[in-house]
Amino acid sequence: MLSEQEAKERIQIALDNANEYIKNENLYAQNFNKERIEECLRQRGEYLGLSQNIYWLKGLSEDSFNSFVSSLESSFGSSLES
């Protein structure tokens, strides 16, 4: 079983990784050309004779992440506080 300190460290690593993911996702979104991707997918579908729909999903937003962190903190109570 993990000690309380080890659990805190692992949770912090997970939160840091999630923050890094959000930062990378936002950078990707800035350079993202949705129209060009949709056009390429349409052309590919026509070439292959596929009938397809394109659906875009939003990535993990900062608000969603903050909500997740709040939920996690409330689940562990004050044990996450330094």
N, C-alpha and C. Protein backbone atom coordinates (compact mmCIF):
# COMPACT_ATOMS: atom_id res chain seq x y z
N MET A 1 0.84 -1.17 0.00
CA MET A 1 0.00 0.00 0.00
C MET A 1 0.89 1.25 0.00
N LEU A 2 0.46 2.24 -0.73
CA LEU A 2 1.22 3.48 -0.82
C LEU A 2 1.11 4.28 0.46
N SER A 3 2.20 4.95 0.79
CA SER A 3 2.12 5.89 1.90
C SER A 3 1.38 7.13 1.42
N GLU A 4 0.95 7.95 2.35
CA GLU A 4 0.23 9.18 1.97
C GLU A 4 1.11 10.06 1.10
N GLN A 5 2.39 10.16 1.43
CA GLN A 5 3.32 11.00 0.65
C GLN A 5 3.48 10.45 -0.78
N GLU A 6 3.61 9.13 -0.92
CA GLU A 6 3.72 8.54 -2.26
C GLU A 6 2.45 8.77 -3.07
N ALA A 7 1.30 8.66 -2.42
CA ALA A 7 0.03 8.91 -3.11
C ALA A 7 -0.05 10.35 -3.58
N LYS A 8 0.35 11.30 -2.72
CA LYS A 8 0.36 12.71 -3.11
C LYS A 8 1.28 12.94 -4.31
N GLU A 9 2.45 12.32 -4.27
CA GLU A 9 3.41 12.50 -5.36
C GLU A 9 2.86 11.95 -6.68
N ARG A 10 2.23 10.79 -6.63
CA ARG A 10 1.66 10.20 -7.84
C ARG A 10 0.50 11.02 -8.38
N ILE A 11 -0.33 11.55 -7.48
CA ILE A 11 -1.44 12.40 -7.91
C ILE A 11 -0.89 13.66 -8.56
N GLN A 12 0.16 14.24 -7.96
CA GLN A 12 0.74 15.46 -8.53
C GLN A 12 1.34 15.17 -9.90
N ILE A 13 1.98 14.03 -10.08
CA ILE A 13 2.51 13.66 -11.39
C ILE A 13 1.39 13.55 -12.41
N ALA A 14 0.28 12.92 -12.01
CA ALA A 14 -0.87 12.79 -12.92
C ALA A 14 -1.43 14.17 -13.29
N LEU A 15 -1.53 15.06 -12.32
CA LEU A 15 -2.03 16.41 -12.60
C LEU A 15 -1.07 17.19 -13.50
N ASP A 16 0.23 17.04 -13.26
CA ASP A 16 1.23 17.70 -14.11
C ASP A 16 1.14 17.18 -15.55
N ASN A 17 0.97 15.87 -15.69
CA ASN A 17 0.84 15.28 -17.02
C ASN A 17 -0.42 15.79 -17.73
N ALA A 18 -1.51 15.92 -16.99
CA ALA A 18 -2.75 16.42 -17.57
C ALA A 18 -2.59 17.88 -18.00
N ASN A 19 -1.90 18.68 -17.19
CA ASN A 19 -1.62 20.07 -17.56
C ASN A 19 -0.78 20.15 -18.83
N GLU A 20 0.21 19.29 -18.93
CA GLU A 20 1.06 19.25 -20.12
C GLU A 20 0.24 18.85 -21.35
N TYR A 21 -0.66 17.90 -21.17
CA TYR A 21 -1.54 17.48 -22.27
C TYR A 21 -2.38 18.66 -22.75
N ILE A 22 -2.97 19.39 -21.81
CA ILE A 22 -3.81 20.53 -22.18
C ILE A 22 -2.99 21.57 -22.92
N LYS A 23 -1.78 21.85 -22.45
CA LYS A 23 -0.91 22.83 -23.10
C LYS A 23 -0.61 22.38 -24.54
N ASN A 24 -0.28 21.12 -24.73
CA ASN A 24 0.01 20.59 -26.06
C ASN A 24 -1.23 20.58 -26.94
N GLU A 25 -2.37 20.26 -26.36
CA GLU A 25 -3.63 20.24 -27.10
C GLU A 25 -3.98 21.64 -27.59
N ASN A 26 -3.77 22.64 -26.75
CA ASN A 26 -4.04 24.02 -27.13
C ASN A 26 -3.09 24.48 -28.23
N LEU A 27 -1.83 24.10 -28.15
CA LEU A 27 -0.86 24.44 -29.19
C LEU A 27 -1.25 23.79 -30.51
N TYR A 28 -1.65 22.52 -30.44
CA TYR A 28 -2.10 21.82 -31.65
C TYR A 28 -3.32 22.51 -32.26
N ALA A 29 -4.24 22.92 -31.41
CA ALA A 29 -5.47 23.55 -31.89
C ALA A 29 -5.19 24.87 -32.60
N GLN A 30 -4.16 25.58 -32.16
CA GLN A 30 -3.80 26.85 -32.80
C GLN A 30 -3.32 26.65 -34.24
N ASN A 31 -2.70 25.50 -34.50
CA ASN A 31 -2.15 25.22 -35.82
C ASN A 31 -3.04 24.28 -36.63
N PHE A 32 -4.23 24.07 -36.17
CA PHE A 32 -5.15 23.08 -36.72
C PHE A 32 -5.99 23.70 -37.83
N ASN A 33 -6.00 23.07 -39.00
CA ASN A 33 -6.81 23.57 -40.11
C ASN A 33 -7.95 22.58 -40.35
N LYS A 34 -9.05 22.81 -39.67
CA LYS A 34 -10.20 21.91 -39.70
C LYS A 34 -10.75 21.73 -41.12
N GLU A 35 -10.86 22.85 -41.85
CA GLU A 35 -11.42 22.78 -43.20
C GLU A 35 -10.56 21.92 -44.12
N ARG A 36 -9.25 22.07 -44.01
CA ARG A 36 -8.34 21.28 -44.86
C ARG A 36 -8.44 19.79 -44.52
N ILE A 37 -8.52 19.48 -43.25
CA ILE A 37 -8.65 18.07 -42.84
C ILE A 37 -9.96 17.49 -43.34
N GLU A 38 -11.05 18.25 -43.20
CA GLU A 38 -12.35 17.77 -43.69
C GLU A 38 -12.31 17.53 -45.20
N GLU A 39 -11.69 18.43 -45.94
CA GLU A 39 -11.60 18.28 -47.39
C GLU A 39 -10.80 17.02 -47.75
N CYS A 40 -9.69 16.80 -47.08
CA CYS A 40 -8.89 15.59 -47.34
C CYS A 40 -9.70 14.32 -47.03
N LEU A 41 -10.44 14.33 -45.93
CA LEU A 41 -11.25 13.17 -45.58
C LEU A 41 -12.37 12.94 -46.60
N ARG A 42 -12.99 14.04 -47.07
CA ARG A 42 -14.03 13.91 -48.09
C ARG A 42 -13.46 13.31 -49.39
N GLN A 43 -12.31 13.84 -49.81
CA GLN A 43 -11.69 13.33 -51.04
C GLN A 43 -11.31 11.86 -50.89
N ARG A 44 -10.79 11.51 -49.73
CA ARG A 44 -10.43 10.11 -49.47
C ARG A 44 -11.67 9.23 -49.52
N GLY A 45 -12.77 9.71 -48.88
CA GLY A 45 -14.01 8.95 -48.87
C GLY A 45 -14.57 8.76 -50.27
N GLU A 46 -14.52 9.81 -51.08
CA GLU A 46 -15.00 9.71 -52.46
C GLU A 46 -14.13 8.73 -53.26
N TYR A 47 -12.84 8.82 -53.11
CA TYR A 47 -11.92 7.94 -53.83
C TYR A 47 -12.15 6.48 -53.47
N LEU A 48 -12.39 6.22 -52.20
CA LEU A 48 -12.59 4.84 -51.73
C LEU A 48 -14.04 4.40 -51.81
N GLY A 49 -14.92 5.31 -52.21
CA GLY A 49 -16.34 4.97 -52.30
C GLY A 49 -16.98 4.77 -50.94
N LEU A 50 -16.51 5.52 -49.95
CA LEU A 50 -17.03 5.39 -48.59
C LEU A 50 -18.09 6.45 -48.33
N SER A 51 -19.10 6.07 -47.59
CA SER A 51 -20.08 7.03 -47.11
C SER A 51 -19.73 7.27 -45.65
N GLN A 52 -19.33 8.49 -45.35
CA GLN A 52 -18.88 8.75 -43.98
C GLN A 52 -19.33 10.12 -43.51
N ASN A 53 -19.48 10.22 -42.21
CA ASN A 53 -19.76 11.49 -41.55
C ASN A 53 -18.53 11.87 -40.74
N ILE A 54 -18.28 13.15 -40.66
CA ILE A 54 -17.14 13.63 -39.88
C ILE A 54 -17.68 14.31 -38.63
N TYR A 55 -17.20 13.86 -37.49
CA TYR A 55 -17.59 14.44 -36.21
C TYR A 55 -16.34 14.95 -35.51
N TRP A 56 -16.41 16.13 -34.99
CA TRP A 56 -15.28 16.70 -34.25
C TRP A 56 -15.62 16.68 -32.77
N LEU A 57 -14.68 16.22 -31.97
CA LEU A 57 -14.84 16.22 -30.53
C LEU A 57 -13.91 17.25 -29.94
N LYS A 58 -14.37 17.96 -28.95
CA LYS A 58 -13.51 18.92 -28.29
C LYS A 58 -12.61 18.17 -27.32
N GLY A 59 -11.38 18.63 -27.22
CA GLY A 59 -10.44 18.04 -26.28
C GLY A 59 -10.76 18.47 -24.86
N LEU A 60 -9.95 18.06 -23.97
CA LEU A 60 -10.11 18.40 -22.56
C LEU A 60 -9.84 19.89 -22.38
N SER A 61 -10.85 20.64 -22.02
CA SER A 61 -10.68 22.08 -21.84
C SER A 61 -10.08 22.36 -20.47
N GLU A 62 -9.57 23.57 -20.32
CA GLU A 62 -9.01 23.96 -19.04
C GLU A 62 -10.09 23.94 -17.95
N ASP A 63 -11.31 24.37 -18.30
CA ASP A 63 -12.41 24.34 -17.33
C ASP A 63 -12.73 22.91 -16.90
N SER A 64 -12.74 21.99 -17.88
CA SER A 64 -12.99 20.58 -17.55
C SER A 64 -11.90 20.04 -16.65
N PHE A 65 -10.66 20.41 -16.95
CA PHE A 65 -9.54 19.95 -16.14
C PHE A 65 -9.65 20.50 -14.71
N ASN A 66 -9.96 21.80 -14.60
CA ASN A 66 -10.08 22.40 -13.27
C ASN A 66 -11.21 21.75 -12.48
N SER A 67 -12.28 21.41 -13.16
CA SER A 67 -13.38 20.71 -12.50
C SER A 67 -12.93 19.34 -12.01
N PHE A 68 -12.14 18.66 -12.86
CA PHE A 68 -11.60 17.35 -12.48
C PHE A 68 -10.71 17.47 -11.24
N VAL A 69 -9.84 18.49 -11.24
CA VAL A 69 -8.94 18.68 -10.10
C VAL A 69 -9.74 18.96 -8.83
N SER A 70 -10.75 19.81 -8.93
CA SER A 70 -11.58 20.11 -7.76
C SER A 70 -12.26 18.85 -7.23
N SER A 71 -12.75 18.04 -8.15
CA SER A 71 -13.40 16.79 -7.77
C SER A 71 -12.41 15.86 -7.08
N LEU A 72 -11.22 15.78 -7.64
CA LEU A 72 -10.18 14.92 -7.07
C LEU A 72 -9.79 15.41 -5.68
N GLU A 73 -9.60 16.72 -5.56
CA GLU A 73 -9.22 17.29 -4.27
C GLU A 73 -10.29 17.06 -3.21
N SER A 74 -11.55 17.22 -3.61
CA SER A 74 -12.62 17.01 -2.63
C SER A 74 -12.73 15.54 -2.24
N SER A 75 -12.37 14.64 -3.18
CA SER A 75 -12.42 13.21 -2.88
C SER A 75 -11.37 12.83 -1.84
N PHE A 76 -10.20 13.51 -1.90
CA PHE A 76 -9.12 13.19 -0.99
C PHE A 76 -9.08 14.15 0.20
N GLY A 77 -9.96 15.11 0.21
CA GLY A 77 -10.01 16.06 1.32
C GLY A 77 -8.73 16.86 1.42
N SER A 78 -8.33 17.14 2.60
CA SER A 78 -7.17 17.98 2.82
C SER A 78 -5.85 17.24 2.65
N SER A 79 -5.89 15.94 2.34
CA SER A 79 -4.65 15.17 2.23
C SER A 79 -3.80 15.62 1.04
N LEU A 80 -4.40 16.36 0.06
CA LEU A 80 -3.64 16.85 -1.08
C LEU A 80 -2.98 18.19 -0.79
N GLU A 81 -3.40 18.85 0.27
CA GLU A 81 -2.83 20.15 0.59
C GLU A 81 -1.46 19.97 1.21
N SER A 82 -0.56 20.83 0.83
CA SER A 82 0.82 20.74 1.36
C SER A 82 0.92 21.29 2.75
